[in-house]
């Protein structure tokens, strides 16, 4: 799903659910099932089980931004 949405590790993504929204750096992993999103509890706030993910910006030109979460 990340590839389909042109999301790569290091990109900033917006995650929305239940009227709440957060922006986090993506870490794309093949260990998650297609369509799955994992957000650390300390960042999840009031997000629900079903979320919408959108790409906010790309950090591909910044080597230190790749792979960090």
C-alpha atoms as a PDB file:
ATOM      1  CA  UNK A   1       0.000   0.000   0.000  1.00  0.00           C
ATOM      2  CA  UNK A   2       2.880   2.388   0.699  1.00  0.00           C
ATOM      3  CA  UNK A   3       4.224   1.939  -2.824  1.00  0.00           C
ATOM      4  CA  UNK A   4       0.756   2.535  -4.302  1.00  0.00           C
ATOM      5  CA  UNK A   5       0.542   5.794  -2.299  1.00  0.00           C
ATOM      6  CA  UNK A   6       4.161   6.691  -3.220  1.00  0.00           C
ATOM      7  CA  UNK A   7       5.164   6.647   0.464  1.00  0.00           C
ATOM      8  CA  UNK A   8       8.750   5.705   1.299  1.00  0.00           C
ATOM      9  CA  UNK A   9      10.617   5.443   4.581  1.00  0.00           C
ATOM     10  CA  UNK A  10      11.522   8.942   5.728  1.00  0.00           C
ATOM     11  CA  UNK A  11       8.493  10.629   4.134  1.00  0.00           C
ATOM     12  CA  UNK A  12       6.228  12.639   6.408  1.00  0.00           C
ATOM     13  CA  UNK A  13       2.702  11.221   6.468  1.00  0.00           C
ATOM     14  CA  UNK A  14      -0.515  12.577   7.925  1.00  0.00           C
ATOM     15  CA  UNK A  15      -2.653  10.136   9.895  1.00  0.00           C
ATOM     16  CA  UNK A  16      -6.295  11.046  10.610  1.00  0.00           C
ATOM     17  CA  UNK A  17      -9.069   9.390  12.577  1.00  0.00           C
ATOM     18  CA  UNK A  18     -11.928  10.452  14.854  1.00  0.00           C
ATOM     19  CA  UNK A  19     -11.296  14.132  14.082  1.00  0.00           C
ATOM     20  CA  UNK A  20      -7.671  13.903  15.288  1.00  0.00           C
ATOM     21  CA  UNK A  21      -4.650  14.238  13.021  1.00  0.00           C
ATOM     22  CA  UNK A  22      -0.926  13.721  13.513  1.00  0.00           C
ATOM     23  CA  UNK A  23       2.117  13.934  11.242  1.00  0.00           C
ATOM     24  CA  UNK A  24       4.848  11.323  11.598  1.00  0.00           C
ATOM     25  CA  UNK A  25       7.841  10.076   9.642  1.00  0.00           C
ATOM     26  CA  UNK A  26       7.086   6.856   7.754  1.00  0.00           C
ATOM     27  CA  UNK A  27       9.025   3.647   8.228  1.00  0.00           C
ATOM     28  CA  UNK A  28       7.821   1.238   5.548  1.00  0.00           C
ATOM     29  CA  UNK A  29       8.054  -2.422   6.580  1.00  0.00           C
ATOM     30  CA  UNK A  30       7.139  -5.621   4.755  1.00  0.00           C
ATOM     31  CA  UNK A  31       6.424  -7.233   8.139  1.00  0.00           C
ATOM     32  CA  UNK A  32       3.006  -5.508   8.276  1.00  0.00           C
ATOM     33  CA  UNK A  33       0.026  -6.820   6.334  1.00  0.00           C
ATOM     34  CA  UNK A  34      -1.115  -4.782   3.313  1.00  0.00           C
ATOM     35  CA  UNK A  35      -3.323  -1.919   4.482  1.00  0.00           C
ATOM     36  CA  UNK A  36      -1.962  -2.027   8.038  1.00  0.00           C
ATOM     37  CA  UNK A  37      -0.556   0.990   9.867  1.00  0.00           C
ATOM     38  CA  UNK A  38       1.277   0.830  13.175  1.00  0.00           C
ATOM     39  CA  UNK A  39       1.565   3.949  15.350  1.00  0.00           C
ATOM     40  CA  UNK A  40       3.440   3.967  18.658  1.00  0.00           C
ATOM     41  CA  UNK A  41       1.082   4.377  21.608  1.00  0.00           C
ATOM     42  CA  UNK A  42       2.732   7.628  22.716  1.00  0.00           C
ATOM     43  CA  UNK A  43       1.827   9.172  19.323  1.00  0.00           C
ATOM     44  CA  UNK A  44      -1.607   7.605  18.829  1.00  0.00           C
ATOM     45  CA  UNK A  45      -3.592   9.917  21.126  1.00  0.00           C
ATOM     46  CA  UNK A  46      -7.286   9.497  20.337  1.00  0.00           C
ATOM     47  CA  UNK A  47      -6.800   7.866  16.932  1.00  0.00           C
ATOM     48  CA  UNK A  48      -9.280   5.086  16.283  1.00  0.00           C
ATOM     49  CA  UNK A  49      -8.712   1.641  14.817  1.00  0.00           C
ATOM     50  CA  UNK A  50      -9.472   2.821  11.284  1.00  0.00           C
ATOM     51  CA  UNK A  51      -7.226   5.643  10.020  1.00  0.00           C
ATOM     52  CA  UNK A  52      -6.604   7.570   6.806  1.00  0.00           C
ATOM     53  CA  UNK A  53      -2.974   8.027   5.730  1.00  0.00           C
ATOM     54  CA  UNK A  54      -1.783  10.691   3.285  1.00  0.00           C
ATOM     55  CA  UNK A  55       1.697  11.707   2.164  1.00  0.00           C
ATOM     56  CA  UNK A  56       2.572  15.192   3.412  1.00  0.00           C
ATOM     57  CA  UNK A  57       6.125  15.577   2.116  1.00  0.00           C
ATOM     58  CA  UNK A  58       9.042  13.610   0.793  1.00  0.00           C
ATOM     59  CA  UNK A  59      12.400  13.516   2.534  1.00  0.00           C
ATOM     60  CA  UNK A  60      14.140  11.466  -0.140  1.00  0.00           C
ATOM     61  CA  UNK A  61      16.786  14.133  -0.765  1.00  0.00           C
ATOM     62  CA  UNK A  62      17.837  13.999   2.896  1.00  0.00           C
ATOM     63  CA  UNK A  63      19.843  10.809   3.603  1.00  0.00           C
ATOM     64  CA  UNK A  64      19.482  11.182   7.379  1.00  0.00           C
ATOM     65  CA  UNK A  65      15.690  11.252   6.987  1.00  0.00           C
ATOM     66  CA  UNK A  66      15.498   7.809   5.414  1.00  0.00           C
ATOM     67  CA  UNK A  67      14.612   4.921   7.664  1.00  0.00           C
ATOM     68  CA  UNK A  68      14.257   6.926  10.863  1.00  0.00           C
ATOM     69  CA  UNK A  69      11.025   6.712  12.785  1.00  0.00           C
END
